[in-house]
Amino acid sequence: MHILRSFVLSSFFLLNISPYVLGSVDAGQNYRRQARETSETSEPAPASSASAPQRTTSLARATGSDTPASQSTGRNGASSSATTRAKATFVDPRLPPGGVAIQTPVTTSGSQYYKIGQKITFGWNYTSLIVSPSAVNVEAFCSGNSQTYTIAQNLSIAKPSVIWDTGLFQPQNGQPPLAMGTYTLLIYDEKSAATAIPVAGNLAPFNGFRFGMYTPRPYTPLADFECPTCDTSSATALDTVAIRILVLFSTLFSLSFGLFFTFLP
């Protein structure tokens, strides 16, 4: 009986304290669950995602730039393409500049004179050229009126000749028409000037050929011709002086000859 009473009392005691015990157990489990969820949410990003910028930075440092690897590669590509460009031709400064040798007309045949209104052909060769220009300008400078007349512009270097039709030539920019006088042929690089300083291996401005141009006059019969530079009065005076000198020398010769024979022993 005593045992049964002890069992009943124990059961009753356990039934009274079980809600508190179970509640504390559940609270501990809930606390541990909340702690685990909090640690998972506050946990840093994986190492793989965090290491990506470090790899990019190290690659940028390896390429000698602080920019990302993609930009560095772009610059490297540009620099490599720049290095593939053709380098400027090196010319020894001790070499002479390039020049022009006139072939047509033949300069050894003497002075050249052309009638205004006819076609004039100029032909030449290039000498000592290392850096060839793409094109040249051809002009004619008249010393009589200090005018420069354009014969050809942007003439290809592969065509070293030009035909100047002076009959169809039309002056530009208010220039006067072609005048009689001495002309100088000018040939120079179209990217340069006729007064540029010669550079070794490059085409130097050419101004070494001179020619004359004239305007013909209509035909005049010989009977109607009058010499514009002749002075008849001067010619008459010259004849009178010559006659007087001739008479004087004849008289002196005669007197000298007579005296010589008079005083002979």
C-alpha atoms as a PDB file:
ATOM      1  CA  MET A   1       0.000   0.000   0.000  1.00  0.00           C
ATOM      2  CA  HIS A   2       2.784   2.290   0.857  1.00  0.00           C
ATOM      3  CA  ILE A   3       4.420   1.550  -2.507  1.00  0.00           C
ATOM      4  CA  LEU A   4       1.232   2.324  -4.384  1.00  0.00           C
ATOM      5  CA  ARG A   5       0.929   5.620  -2.587  1.00  0.00           C
ATOM      6  CA  SER A   6       4.493   6.543  -3.483  1.00  0.00           C
ATOM      7  CA  PHE A   7       3.865   5.703  -7.124  1.00  0.00           C
ATOM      8  CA  VAL A   8       0.745   7.833  -7.290  1.00  0.00           C
ATOM      9  CA  LEU A   9       2.499  10.771  -5.677  1.00  0.00           C
ATOM     10  CA  SER A  10       5.431  10.457  -8.067  1.00  0.00           C
ATOM     11  CA  SER A  11       3.131  10.333 -11.071  1.00  0.00           C
ATOM     12  CA  PHE A  12       1.253  13.371  -9.873  1.00  0.00           C
ATOM     13  CA  PHE A  13       4.528  15.308  -9.377  1.00  0.00           C
ATOM     14  CA  LEU A  14       5.735  14.395 -12.834  1.00  0.00           C
ATOM     15  CA  LEU A  15       2.473  15.489 -14.409  1.00  0.00           C
ATOM     16  CA  ASN A  16       2.758  18.889 -12.697  1.00  0.00           C
ATOM     17  CA  ILE A  17       6.313  19.704 -13.754  1.00  0.00           C
ATOM     18  CA  SER A  18       6.228  18.220 -17.304  1.00  0.00           C
ATOM     19  CA  PRO A  19       4.903  21.419 -19.020  1.00  0.00           C
ATOM     20  CA  TYR A  20       7.793  23.453 -17.604  1.00  0.00           C
ATOM     21  CA  VAL A  21      10.380  20.880 -18.583  1.00  0.00           C
ATOM     22  CA  LEU A  22       9.004  20.429 -22.058  1.00  0.00           C
ATOM     23  CA  GLY A  23       8.723  24.157 -22.518  1.00  0.00           C
ATOM     24  CA  SER A  24      12.321  24.692 -21.557  1.00  0.00           C
ATOM     25  CA  VAL A  25      13.402  22.016 -24.004  1.00  0.00           C
ATOM     26  CA  ASP A  26      11.427  23.580 -26.810  1.00  0.00           C
ATOM     27  CA  ALA A  27      12.825  27.005 -25.935  1.00  0.00           C
ATOM     28  CA  GLY A  28      16.357  25.650 -26.096  1.00  0.00           C
ATOM     29  CA  GLN A  29      15.653  24.071 -29.443  1.00  0.00           C
ATOM     30  CA  ASN A  30      14.096  27.299 -30.739  1.00  0.00           C
ATOM     31  CA  TYR A  31      17.030  29.320 -29.460  1.00  0.00           C
ATOM     32  CA  ARG A  32      19.505  27.016 -31.164  1.00  0.00           C
ATOM     33  CA  ARG A  33      17.449  27.134 -34.426  1.00  0.00           C
ATOM     34  CA  GLN A  34      17.355  30.977 -34.393  1.00  0.00           C
ATOM     35  CA  ALA A  35      21.075  31.153 -33.688  1.00  0.00           C
ATOM     36  CA  ARG A  36      21.789  28.826 -36.614  1.00  0.00           C
ATOM     37  CA  GLU A  37      19.581  30.858 -39.012  1.00  0.00           C
ATOM     38  CA  THR A  38      21.193  34.121 -37.884  1.00  0.00           C
ATOM     39  CA  SER A  39      24.686  32.733 -38.494  1.00  0.00           C
ATOM     40  CA  GLU A  40      23.658  31.545 -41.959  1.00  0.00           C
ATOM     41  CA  THR A  41      22.246  34.943 -43.027  1.00  0.00           C
ATOM     42  CA  SER A  42      25.192  36.933 -41.680  1.00  0.00           C
ATOM     43  CA  GLU A  43      27.770  34.568 -43.159  1.00  0.00           C
ATOM     44  CA  PRO A  44      30.065  36.290 -45.804  1.00  0.00           C
ATOM     45  CA  ALA A  45      29.891  35.453 -49.531  1.00  0.00           C
ATOM     46  CA  PRO A  46      31.676  32.354 -50.751  1.00  0.00           C
ATOM     47  CA  ALA A  47      35.395  32.517 -51.310  1.00  0.00           C
ATOM     48  CA  SER A  48      35.016  31.931 -55.043  1.00  0.00           C
ATOM     49  CA  SER A  49      32.895  35.065 -55.568  1.00  0.00           C
ATOM     50  CA  ALA A  50      35.157  37.201 -53.374  1.00  0.00           C
ATOM     51  CA  SER A  51      38.331  36.097 -55.119  1.00  0.00           C
ATOM     52  CA  ALA A  52      37.175  37.210 -58.586  1.00  0.00           C
ATOM     53  CA  PRO A  53      38.057  40.888 -58.092  1.00  0.00           C
ATOM     54  CA  GLN A  54      41.386  39.876 -56.588  1.00  0.00           C
ATOM     55  CA  ARG A  55      42.241  37.910 -59.721  1.00  0.00           C
ATOM     56  CA  THR A  56      41.285  40.877 -61.907  1.00  0.00           C
ATOM     57  CA  THR A  57      43.406  43.233 -59.812  1.00  0.00           C
ATOM     58  CA  SER A  58      46.391  40.936 -59.923  1.00  0.00           C
ATOM     59  CA  LEU A  59      46.019  40.590 -63.707  1.00  0.00           C
ATOM     60  CA  ALA A  60      45.782  44.343 -64.106  1.00  0.00           C
ATOM     61  CA  ARG A  61      48.947  44.767 -62.008  1.00  0.00           C
ATOM     62  CA  ALA A  62      50.688  42.126 -64.071  1.00  0.00           C
ATOM     63  CA  THR A  63      49.904  44.101 -67.247  1.00  0.00           C
ATOM     64  CA  GLY A  64      51.259  47.291 -65.695  1.00  0.00           C
ATOM     65  CA  SER A  65      47.889  49.084 -65.445  1.00  0.00           C
ATOM     66  CA  ASP A  66      45.299  49.791 -62.755  1.00  0.00           C
ATOM     67  CA  THR A  67      42.397  49.226 -65.147  1.00  0.00           C
ATOM     68  CA  PRO A  68      40.580  45.899 -65.560  1.00  0.00           C
ATOM     69  CA  ALA A  69      42.080  43.204 -67.694  1.00  0.00           C
ATOM     70  CA  SER A  70      39.582  43.749 -70.516  1.00  0.00           C
ATOM     71  CA  GLN A  71      40.593  47.421 -70.905  1.00  0.00           C
ATOM     72  CA  SER A  72      44.258  46.645 -70.639  1.00  0.00           C
ATOM     73  CA  THR A  73      43.881  44.075 -73.358  1.00  0.00           C
ATOM     74  CA  GLY A  74      42.159  46.663 -75.546  1.00  0.00           C
ATOM     75  CA  ARG A  75      45.041  49.092 -75.148  1.00  0.00           C
ATOM     76  CA  ASN A  76      47.545  46.376 -75.790  1.00  0.00           C
ATOM     77  CA  GLY A  77      45.704  45.522 -78.975  1.00  0.00           C
ATOM     78  CA  ALA A  78      45.808  49.163 -80.097  1.00  0.00           C
ATOM     79  CA  SER A  79      49.503  49.450 -79.355  1.00  0.00           C
ATOM     80  CA  SER A  80      50.252  46.267 -81.236  1.00  0.00           C
ATOM     81  CA  SER A  81      48.345  47.552 -84.249  1.00  0.00           C
ATOM     82  CA  ALA A  82      50.255  50.833 -84.020  1.00  0.00           C
ATOM     83  CA  THR A  83      53.563  48.999 -84.080  1.00  0.00           C
ATOM     84  CA  THR A  84      52.541  47.258 -87.284  1.00  0.00           C
ATOM     85  CA  ARG A  85      52.187  50.546 -89.113  1.00  0.00           C
ATOM     86  CA  ALA A  86      54.833  51.434 -91.635  1.00  0.00           C
ATOM     87  CA  LYS A  87      57.663  53.354 -90.053  1.00  0.00           C
ATOM     88  CA  ALA A  88      58.884  56.622 -91.557  1.00  0.00           C
ATOM     89  CA  THR A  89      61.703  56.199 -94.042  1.00  0.00           C
ATOM     90  CA  PHE A  90      65.028  57.192 -92.531  1.00  0.00           C
ATOM     91  CA  VAL A  91      67.063  59.511 -94.747  1.00  0.00           C
ATOM     92  CA  ASP A  92      70.697  60.232 -94.069  1.00  0.00           C
ATOM     93  CA  PRO A  93      70.922  64.034 -93.688  1.00  0.00           C
ATOM     94  CA  ARG A  94      74.228  63.954 -95.542  1.00  0.00           C
ATOM     95  CA  LEU A  95      72.490  62.891 -98.758  1.00  0.00           C
ATOM     96  CA  PRO A  96      71.544  65.525-101.356  1.00  0.00           C
ATOM     97  CA  PRO A  97      67.914  66.548-101.850  1.00  0.00           C
ATOM     98  CA  GLY A  98      65.953  65.235-104.798  1.00  0.00           C
ATOM     99  CA  GLY A  99      65.841  67.310-107.961  1.00  0.00           C
ATOM    100  CA  VAL A 100      64.353  67.752-111.424  1.00  0.00           C
ATOM    101  CA  ALA A 101      66.222  67.342-114.714  1.00  0.00           C
ATOM    102  CA  ILE A 102      64.481  68.935-117.710  1.00  0.00           C
ATOM    103  CA  GLN A 103      64.327  66.656-120.748  1.00  0.00           C
ATOM    104  CA  THR A 104      61.890  68.584-122.967  1.00  0.00           C
ATOM    105  CA  PRO A 105      62.785  71.023-124.350  1.00  0.00           C
ATOM    106  CA  VAL A 106      66.452  70.268-124.726  1.00  0.00           C
ATOM    107  CA  THR A 107      68.200  72.874-122.629  1.00  0.00           C
ATOM    108  CA  THR A 108      71.520  72.480-124.452  1.00  0.00           C
ATOM    109  CA  SER A 109      70.037  73.846-127.687  1.00  0.00           C
ATOM    110  CA  GLY A 110      70.091  77.429-126.379  1.00  0.00           C
ATOM    111  CA  SER A 111      67.460  79.869-125.237  1.00  0.00           C
ATOM    112  CA  GLN A 112      63.858  78.853-125.763  1.00  0.00           C
ATOM    113  CA  TYR A 113      61.208  81.272-127.039  1.00  0.00           C
ATOM    114  CA  TYR A 114      57.533  80.472-127.435  1.00  0.00           C
ATOM    115  CA  LYS A 115      54.735  82.353-129.084  1.00  0.00           C
ATOM    116  CA  ILE A 116      51.826  83.117-126.803  1.00  0.00           C
ATOM    117  CA  GLY A 117      48.943  81.048-128.137  1.00  0.00           C
ATOM    118  CA  GLN A 118      50.831  77.844-128.942  1.00  0.00           C
ATOM    119  CA  LYS A 119      51.202  74.619-126.947  1.00  0.00           C
ATOM    120  CA  ILE A 120      54.363  74.145-124.898  1.00  0.00           C
ATOM    121  CA  THR A 121      55.509  70.696-123.761  1.00  0.00           C
ATOM    122  CA  PHE A 122      57.601  70.300-120.643  1.00  0.00           C
ATOM    123  CA  GLY A 123      59.115  66.937-119.670  1.00  0.00           C
ATOM    124  CA  TRP A 124      61.514  66.033-116.880  1.00  0.00           C
ATOM    125  CA  ASN A 125      63.016  63.282-114.743  1.00  0.00           C
ATOM    126  CA  TYR A 126      63.381  63.075-110.979  1.00  0.00           C
ATOM    127  CA  THR A 127      66.839  62.569-109.491  1.00  0.00           C
ATOM    128  CA  SER A 128      68.105  61.457-106.050  1.00  0.00           C
ATOM    129  CA  LEU A 129      64.590  60.911-104.685  1.00  0.00           C
ATOM    130  CA  ILE A 130      64.312  58.697-101.588  1.00  0.00           C
ATOM    131  CA  VAL A 131      60.978  59.989-100.314  1.00  0.00           C
ATOM    132  CA  SER A 132      58.787  60.542-103.376  1.00  0.00           C
ATOM    133  CA  PRO A 133      55.919  63.036-103.189  1.00  0.00           C
ATOM    134  CA  SER A 134      52.464  61.885-104.221  1.00  0.00           C
ATOM    135  CA  ALA A 135      51.973  64.810-106.600  1.00  0.00           C
ATOM    136  CA  VAL A 136      53.603  68.061-107.733  1.00  0.00           C
ATOM    137  CA  ASN A 137      52.521  71.529-108.790  1.00  0.00           C
ATOM    138  CA  VAL A 138      53.823  73.086-112.013  1.00  0.00           C
ATOM    139  CA  GLU A 139      53.801  76.859-112.421  1.00  0.00           C
ATOM    140  CA  ALA A 140      55.369  79.602-114.532  1.00  0.00           C
ATOM    141  CA  PHE A 141      56.607  82.850-112.996  1.00  0.00           C
ATOM    142  CA  CYS A 142      56.815  85.924-115.223  1.00  0.00           C
ATOM    143  CA  SER A 143      59.471  88.418-114.173  1.00  0.00           C
ATOM    144  CA  GLY A 144      57.906  91.165-116.322  1.00  0.00           C
ATOM    145  CA  ASN A 145      54.702  91.517-114.289  1.00  0.00           C
ATOM    146  CA  SER A 146      55.693  89.428-111.186  1.00  0.00           C
ATOM    147  CA  GLN A 147      52.788  87.036-111.738  1.00  0.00           C
ATOM    148  CA  THR A 148      52.737  83.273-111.173  1.00  0.00           C
ATOM    149  CA  TYR A 149      50.595  81.283-113.616  1.00  0.00           C
ATOM    150  CA  THR A 150      49.417  77.776-112.760  1.00  0.00           C
ATOM    151  CA  ILE A 151      50.175  75.150-115.410  1.00  0.00           C
ATOM    152  CA  ALA A 152      49.124  72.004-113.502  1.00  0.00           C
ATOM    153  CA  GLN A 153      48.132  71.124-109.944  1.00  0.00           C
ATOM    154  CA  ASN A 154      48.350  67.756-108.158  1.00  0.00           C
ATOM    155  CA  LEU A 155      50.182  66.252-111.113  1.00  0.00           C
ATOM    156  CA  SER A 156      50.986  62.611-110.397  1.00  0.00           C
ATOM    157  CA  ILE A 157      54.624  61.791-109.713  1.00  0.00           C
ATOM    158  CA  ALA A 158      54.285  58.946-112.209  1.00  0.00           C
ATOM    159  CA  LYS A 159      53.621  61.418-115.051  1.00  0.00           C
ATOM    160  CA  PRO A 160      56.628  63.752-115.291  1.00  0.00           C
ATOM    161  CA  SER A 161      55.367  65.813-118.230  1.00  0.00           C
ATOM    162  CA  VAL A 162      52.737  68.433-119.001  1.00  0.00           C
ATOM    163  CA  ILE A 163      51.411  70.273-122.066  1.00  0.00           C
ATOM    164  CA  TRP A 164      50.622  73.953-121.543  1.00  0.00           C
ATOM    165  CA  ASP A 165      48.151  75.292-124.077  1.00  0.00           C
ATOM    166  CA  THR A 166      48.797  79.013-123.810  1.00  0.00           C
ATOM    167  CA  GLY A 167      46.055  79.726-126.351  1.00  0.00           C
ATOM    168  CA  LEU A 168      43.345  78.307-124.073  1.00  0.00           C
ATOM    169  CA  PHE A 169      44.943  79.429-120.829  1.00  0.00           C
ATOM    170  CA  GLN A 170      42.697  81.570-118.648  1.00  0.00           C
ATOM    171  CA  PRO A 171      44.328  83.495-115.772  1.00  0.00           C
ATOM    172  CA  GLN A 172      42.698  83.046-112.379  1.00  0.00           C
ATOM    173  CA  ASN A 173      41.988  85.318-109.401  1.00  0.00           C
ATOM    174  CA  GLY A 174      42.065  88.513-111.427  1.00  0.00           C
ATOM    175  CA  GLN A 175      45.513  87.907-112.907  1.00  0.00           C
ATOM    176  CA  PRO A 176      46.511  89.759-116.085  1.00  0.00           C
ATOM    177  CA  PRO A 177      46.824  87.771-119.316  1.00  0.00           C
ATOM    178  CA  LEU A 178      50.111  86.228-120.338  1.00  0.00           C
ATOM    179  CA  ALA A 179      52.664  88.942-121.054  1.00  0.00           C
ATOM    180  CA  MET A 180      55.783  89.065-123.144  1.00  0.00           C
ATOM    181  CA  GLY A 181      58.884  88.475-121.081  1.00  0.00           C
ATOM    182  CA  THR A 182      61.055  85.885-119.379  1.00  0.00           C
ATOM    183  CA  TYR A 183      59.365  83.039-117.512  1.00  0.00           C
ATOM    184  CA  THR A 184      60.742  80.633-114.893  1.00  0.00           C
ATOM    185  CA  LEU A 185      59.386  77.083-114.676  1.00  0.00           C
ATOM    186  CA  LEU A 186      58.533  76.040-111.098  1.00  0.00           C
ATOM    187  CA  ILE A 187      58.045  72.409-109.999  1.00  0.00           C
ATOM    188  CA  TYR A 188      57.552  71.547-106.323  1.00  0.00           C
ATOM    189  CA  ASP A 189      55.800  69.131-103.962  1.00  0.00           C
ATOM    190  CA  GLU A 190      52.086  69.905-103.798  1.00  0.00           C
ATOM    191  CA  LYS A 191      52.252  69.571 -99.983  1.00  0.00           C
ATOM    192  CA  SER A 192      55.102  72.051 -99.819  1.00  0.00           C
ATOM    193  CA  ALA A 193      55.814  75.456-101.373  1.00  0.00           C
ATOM    194  CA  ALA A 194      57.923  76.866-104.188  1.00  0.00           C
ATOM    195  CA  THR A 195      60.126  78.594-101.595  1.00  0.00           C
ATOM    196  CA  ALA A 196      60.529  75.613 -99.236  1.00  0.00           C
ATOM    197  CA  ILE A 197      63.964  74.711 -97.878  1.00  0.00           C
ATOM    198  CA  PRO A 198      65.445  71.590 -99.563  1.00  0.00           C
ATOM    199  CA  VAL A 199      65.522  68.460 -97.391  1.00  0.00           C
ATOM    200  CA  ALA A 200      67.807  65.461 -97.913  1.00  0.00           C
ATOM    201  CA  GLY A 201      66.154  62.754-100.013  1.00  0.00           C
ATOM    202  CA  ASN A 202      62.992  64.826-100.569  1.00  0.00           C
ATOM    203  CA  LEU A 203      62.042  66.753-103.675  1.00  0.00           C
ATOM    204  CA  ALA A 204      63.539  70.234-103.604  1.00  0.00           C
ATOM    205  CA  PRO A 205      61.650  73.072-105.318  1.00  0.00           C
ATOM    206  CA  PHE A 206      62.856  73.439-108.914  1.00  0.00           C
ATOM    207  CA  ASN A 207      63.326  76.814-110.606  1.00  0.00           C
ATOM    208  CA  GLY A 208      66.229  76.155-112.941  1.00  0.00           C
ATOM    209  CA  PHE A 209      64.628  76.527-116.384  1.00  0.00           C
ATOM    210  CA  ARG A 210      63.871  79.874-118.042  1.00  0.00           C
ATOM    211  CA  PHE A 211      62.183  80.576-121.343  1.00  0.00           C
ATOM    212  CA  GLY A 212      60.827  83.566-123.228  1.00  0.00           C
ATOM    213  CA  MET A 213      57.310  84.232-124.456  1.00  0.00           C
ATOM    214  CA  TYR A 214      56.250  86.833-127.028  1.00  0.00           C
ATOM    215  CA  THR A 215      53.165  88.021-128.882  1.00  0.00           C
ATOM    216  CA  PRO A 216      53.625  88.069-132.664  1.00  0.00           C
ATOM    217  CA  ARG A 217      52.627  91.122-134.692  1.00  0.00           C
ATOM    218  CA  PRO A 218      50.731  91.033-137.963  1.00  0.00           C
ATOM    219  CA  TYR A 219      52.694  90.978-141.224  1.00  0.00           C
ATOM    220  CA  THR A 220      53.823  94.362-142.611  1.00  0.00           C
ATOM    221  CA  PRO A 221      55.151  94.851-146.147  1.00  0.00           C
ATOM    222  CA  LEU A 222      58.780  95.965-146.358  1.00  0.00           C
ATOM    223  CA  ALA A 223      57.855  99.262-148.006  1.00  0.00           C
ATOM    224  CA  ASP A 224      55.587 100.144-145.088  1.00  0.00           C
ATOM    225  CA  PHE A 225      57.896  98.905-142.388  1.00  0.00           C
ATOM    226  CA  GLU A 226      59.191 101.424-139.942  1.00  0.00           C
ATOM    227  CA  CYS A 227      61.963 100.559-137.552  1.00  0.00           C
ATOM    228  CA  PRO A 228      60.849 101.662-134.076  1.00  0.00           C
ATOM    229  CA  THR A 229      64.424 101.693-132.761  1.00  0.00           C
ATOM    230  CA  CYS A 230      66.075 103.386-135.718  1.00  0.00           C
ATOM    231  CA  ASP A 231      66.981 107.119-135.626  1.00  0.00           C
ATOM    232  CA  THR A 232      67.751 108.552-139.091  1.00  0.00           C
ATOM    233  CA  SER A 233      69.083 111.815-137.681  1.00  0.00           C
ATOM    234  CA  SER A 234      71.646 109.949-135.621  1.00  0.00           C
ATOM    235  CA  ALA A 235      72.688 107.946-138.666  1.00  0.00           C
ATOM    236  CA  THR A 236      73.220 111.149-140.732  1.00  0.00           C
ATOM    237  CA  ALA A 237      75.299 112.748-137.989  1.00  0.00           C
ATOM    238  CA  LEU A 238      77.408 109.610-137.712  1.00  0.00           C
ATOM    239  CA  ASP A 239      78.154 109.640-141.434  1.00  0.00           C
ATOM    240  CA  THR A 240      79.314 113.330-141.311  1.00  0.00           C
ATOM    241  CA  VAL A 241      81.710 112.664-138.444  1.00  0.00           C
ATOM    242  CA  ALA A 242      83.174 109.669-140.251  1.00  0.00           C
ATOM    243  CA  ILE A 243      83.820 111.673-143.388  1.00  0.00           C
ATOM    244  CA  ARG A 244      85.561 114.438-141.441  1.00  0.00           C
ATOM    245  CA  ILE A 245      87.826 111.983-139.695  1.00  0.00           C
ATOM    246  CA  LEU A 246      88.710 110.308-142.985  1.00  0.00           C
ATOM    247  CA  VAL A 247      89.642 113.676-144.606  1.00  0.00           C
ATOM    248  CA  LEU A 248      91.770 114.649-141.622  1.00  0.00           C
ATOM    249  CA  PHE A 249      93.798 111.454-141.633  1.00  0.00           C
ATOM    250  CA  SER A 250      94.323 111.668-145.420  1.00  0.00           C
ATOM    251  CA  THR A 251      95.648 115.215-145.133  1.00  0.00           C
ATOM    252  CA  LEU A 252      98.047 114.300-142.350  1.00  0.00           C
ATOM    253  CA  PHE A 253      99.337 111.328-144.305  1.00  0.00           C
ATOM    254  CA  SER A 254      99.969 113.412-147.424  1.00  0.00           C
ATOM    255  CA  LEU A 255     101.833 116.137-145.529  1.00  0.00           C
ATOM    256  CA  SER A 256     103.966 113.652-143.675  1.00  0.00           C
ATOM    257  CA  PHE A 257     104.893 111.817-146.877  1.00  0.00           C
ATOM    258  CA  GLY A 258     105.772 115.098-148.717  1.00  0.00           C
ATOM    259  CA  LEU A 259     107.942 116.382-145.901  1.00  0.00           C
ATOM    260  CA  PHE A 260     109.788 113.126-145.718  1.00  0.00           C
ATOM    261  CA  PHE A 261     110.885 113.273-149.324  1.00  0.00           C
ATOM    262  CA  THR A 262     111.641 117.043-149.150  1.00  0.00           C
ATOM    263  CA  PHE A 263     114.217 116.785-146.425  1.00  0.00           C
ATOM    264  CA  LEU A 264     115.988 113.757-147.823  1.00  0.00           C
ATOM    265  CA  PRO A 265     119.690 114.435-148.626  1.00  0.00           C
END
